[in-house]
Amino acid sequence: MFARRSGDGFIRCSDGHVRWGVFGAAGVIFVLRRHDGEPLVMLQQRSAMAHEGGTWSIAGGAIDEGETPFEAAMREASEEVGEIPARHHVLGEYVFAPATDWTYTTVVLEVHQHFGASVNFETDAVVWVPLDMVDHRPLHAGFAAAWPHLRAIIERGVSDDHR
């Protein structure tokens, strides 16, 4: 079992919803371009032990006290899907702020090699899928709401890099 971290815990947010992450939460959507330039994204199937188990989302979790959202996203991702390739760059980020006292920051990170596996109890599977296939899976509600914003960042990043 993993040791409890300072950010672990549910809080009732100012909008009345209960959410994970005392200091908010963060995650990473990994992007990998095929040889033809089409982007693939890594999706994580959440285990029955995780909130909304069985749905597809991204690696992420609670931000610890004193951590930046980026630091938390990278830590959580490495804990859930394995070591992140050293060669990567940030395409952008999207901040979901449904309440005055809680946010979820998603970092959009392009990598240059396949990686990822189920490395802890929170992850049942890891897959790389084309953008058009993301909506064909049962998505975690929070990720589903963020997906249009994340897709726009990915598409903008692809067009900027391949002119």
Protein backbone atom coordinates (compact mmCIF):
# COMPACT_ATOMS: atom_id res chain seq x y z
CA MET A 1 0.00 0.00 0.00
CA PHE A 2 1.14 3.54 -0.69
CA ALA A 3 1.82 6.05 2.06
CA ARG A 4 -0.72 8.82 2.46
CA ARG A 5 0.47 12.10 0.94
CA SER A 6 -0.34 15.63 2.16
CA GLY A 7 -2.80 16.32 -0.69
CA ASP A 8 -4.71 13.04 -0.37
CA GLY A 9 -8.30 13.37 0.69
CA PHE A 10 -11.74 14.42 -0.45
CA ILE A 11 -12.97 17.95 0.13
CA ARG A 12 -16.37 19.53 -0.23
CA CYS A 13 -15.76 22.37 -2.65
CA SER A 14 -17.38 25.80 -2.65
CA ASP A 15 -19.79 24.64 -5.38
CA GLY A 16 -21.03 21.81 -3.11
CA HIS A 17 -19.35 18.92 -4.96
CA VAL A 18 -16.96 16.53 -3.23
CA ARG A 19 -13.66 16.16 -5.10
CA TRP A 20 -10.31 14.41 -4.60
CA GLY A 21 -7.31 16.53 -3.69
CA VAL A 22 -7.11 18.80 -0.65
CA PHE A 23 -4.98 21.27 -2.66
CA GLY A 24 -6.57 20.48 -6.03
CA ALA A 25 -5.46 17.90 -8.54
CA ALA A 26 -3.46 17.59 -11.74
CA GLY A 27 -2.75 15.12 -14.52
CA VAL A 28 -0.97 14.65 -17.83
CA ILE A 29 -2.29 13.80 -21.27
CA PHE A 30 0.61 12.39 -23.25
CA VAL A 31 0.77 13.00 -27.00
CA LEU A 32 2.85 10.99 -29.46
CA ARG A 33 2.91 11.67 -33.20
CA ARG A 34 2.92 8.82 -35.67
CA HIS A 35 5.30 8.97 -38.64
CA ASP A 36 2.50 10.51 -40.74
CA GLY A 37 2.09 13.30 -38.18
CA GLU A 38 -1.23 12.09 -36.74
CA PRO A 39 -1.24 12.50 -32.95
CA LEU A 40 -2.01 9.64 -30.60
CA VAL A 41 -2.90 10.20 -26.96
CA MET A 42 -2.36 7.94 -23.98
CA LEU A 43 -5.49 6.90 -22.13
CA GLN A 44 -5.56 5.13 -18.80
CA GLN A 45 -8.36 2.77 -17.80
CA ARG A 46 -9.14 3.42 -14.17
CA SER A 47 -9.31 0.37 -11.92
CA ALA A 48 -12.29 -0.50 -9.73
CA MET A 49 -10.20 0.84 -6.80
CA ALA A 50 -10.23 4.37 -8.31
CA HIS A 51 -13.02 6.96 -8.54
CA GLU A 52 -15.25 6.15 -11.55
CA GLY A 53 -13.45 2.85 -12.01
CA GLY A 54 -13.72 1.24 -15.43
CA THR A 55 -13.74 4.58 -17.24
CA TRP A 56 -10.94 5.99 -19.37
CA SER A 57 -9.02 9.09 -18.40
CA ILE A 58 -5.44 10.25 -17.92
CA ALA A 59 -2.88 9.66 -15.21
CA GLY A 60 -3.22 12.18 -12.41
CA GLY A 61 -4.19 12.85 -8.83
CA ALA A 62 -3.94 15.10 -5.81
CA ILE A 63 -1.49 17.99 -5.61
CA ASP A 64 0.61 17.88 -2.44
CA GLU A 65 1.26 20.90 -0.25
CA GLY A 66 4.02 23.01 -1.80
CA GLU A 67 3.86 21.24 -5.18
CA THR A 68 3.06 23.02 -8.42
CA PRO A 69 0.35 21.49 -10.61
CA PHE A 70 3.06 20.54 -13.14
CA GLU A 71 5.16 18.78 -10.49
CA ALA A 72 2.10 16.92 -9.19
CA ALA A 73 0.99 15.90 -12.69
CA MET A 74 4.42 14.49 -13.53
CA ARG A 75 4.73 12.68 -10.17
CA GLU A 76 1.26 11.16 -10.40
CA ALA A 77 1.76 10.07 -14.00
CA SER A 78 5.05 8.35 -13.22
CA GLU A 79 3.40 6.56 -10.28
CA GLU A 80 0.50 5.33 -12.43
CA VAL A 81 1.89 4.65 -15.93
CA GLY A 82 5.67 4.46 -15.49
CA GLU A 83 8.76 6.53 -16.09
CA ILE A 84 8.15 9.49 -18.38
CA PRO A 85 10.58 9.72 -21.30
CA ALA A 86 13.27 12.36 -20.73
CA ARG A 87 12.69 13.82 -24.20
CA HIS A 88 9.37 15.67 -24.00
CA HIS A 89 7.92 19.16 -24.26
CA VAL A 90 4.82 20.94 -23.02
CA LEU A 91 2.18 21.83 -25.63
CA GLY A 92 -0.02 23.63 -23.12
CA GLU A 93 -2.32 23.12 -20.18
CA TYR A 94 -5.99 23.37 -19.35
CA VAL A 95 -7.27 24.38 -15.92
CA PHE A 96 -10.75 23.20 -14.92
CA ALA A 97 -11.93 25.48 -12.11
CA PRO A 98 -15.47 24.49 -11.09
CA ALA A 99 -15.15 26.03 -7.62
CA THR A 100 -13.30 28.91 -5.98
CA ASP A 101 -11.29 26.50 -3.81
CA TRP A 102 -10.41 23.64 -6.17
CA THR A 103 -8.91 23.19 -9.66
CA TYR A 104 -7.76 20.34 -11.88
CA THR A 105 -4.82 21.21 -14.13
CA THR A 106 -4.14 19.01 -17.15
CA VAL A 107 -0.68 19.30 -18.68
CA VAL A 108 -0.50 18.43 -22.39
CA LEU A 109 2.92 16.82 -22.87
CA GLU A 110 4.34 15.60 -26.15
CA VAL A 111 6.69 12.64 -25.94
CA HIS A 112 8.77 11.09 -28.70
CA GLN A 113 8.50 7.39 -27.85
CA HIS A 114 5.87 4.89 -26.73
CA PHE A 115 5.80 4.13 -23.04
CA GLY A 116 3.23 3.35 -20.40
CA ALA A 117 1.92 0.39 -18.49
CA SER A 118 -0.27 -0.35 -15.52
CA VAL A 119 2.24 0.11 -12.71
CA ASN A 120 -0.06 0.44 -9.68
CA PHE A 121 -3.51 -0.45 -8.40
CA GLU A 122 -5.15 2.65 -9.92
CA THR A 123 -4.59 1.59 -13.55
CA ASP A 124 -6.08 -1.43 -15.32
CA ALA A 125 -4.78 -0.64 -18.82
CA VAL A 126 -2.88 1.93 -20.88
CA VAL A 127 -3.51 2.49 -24.60
CA TRP A 128 -2.48 4.97 -27.29
CA VAL A 129 -5.39 6.07 -29.49
CA PRO A 130 -5.98 8.57 -32.33
CA LEU A 131 -7.84 11.74 -31.33
CA ASP A 132 -11.00 10.65 -33.17
CA MET A 133 -11.21 7.46 -31.10
CA VAL A 134 -11.14 9.06 -27.64
CA ASP A 135 -14.90 9.75 -27.62
CA HIS A 136 -15.62 6.09 -28.45
CA ARG A 137 -14.67 4.95 -24.95
CA PRO A 138 -16.55 5.38 -21.67
CA LEU A 139 -14.76 8.44 -20.31
CA HIS A 140 -14.37 9.66 -16.74
CA ALA A 141 -16.83 12.57 -16.42
CA GLY A 142 -14.16 15.14 -15.59
CA PHE A 143 -11.96 14.08 -18.48
CA ALA A 144 -14.94 14.07 -20.86
CA ALA A 145 -15.68 17.69 -19.93
CA ALA A 146 -12.04 18.71 -20.45
CA TRP A 147 -11.48 16.70 -23.65
CA PRO A 148 -12.65 19.38 -26.17
CA HIS A 149 -10.24 21.91 -24.62
CA LEU A 150 -7.37 19.39 -24.53
CA ARG A 151 -8.00 18.29 -28.10
CA ALA A 152 -7.81 21.93 -29.25
CA ILE A 153 -4.40 22.30 -27.55
CA ILE A 154 -3.16 19.08 -29.17
CA GLU A 155 -4.40 20.08 -32.63
CA ARG A 156 -2.90 23.56 -32.28
CA GLY A 157 0.43 22.06 -31.16
CA VAL A 158 0.48 19.67 -34.11
CA SER A 159 -0.23 22.37 -36.68
CA ASP A 160 2.38 24.71 -35.14
CA ASP A 161 5.09 22.06 -35.20
CA HIS A 162 4.42 20.72 -38.70
CA ARG A 163 4.32 23.81 -40.91
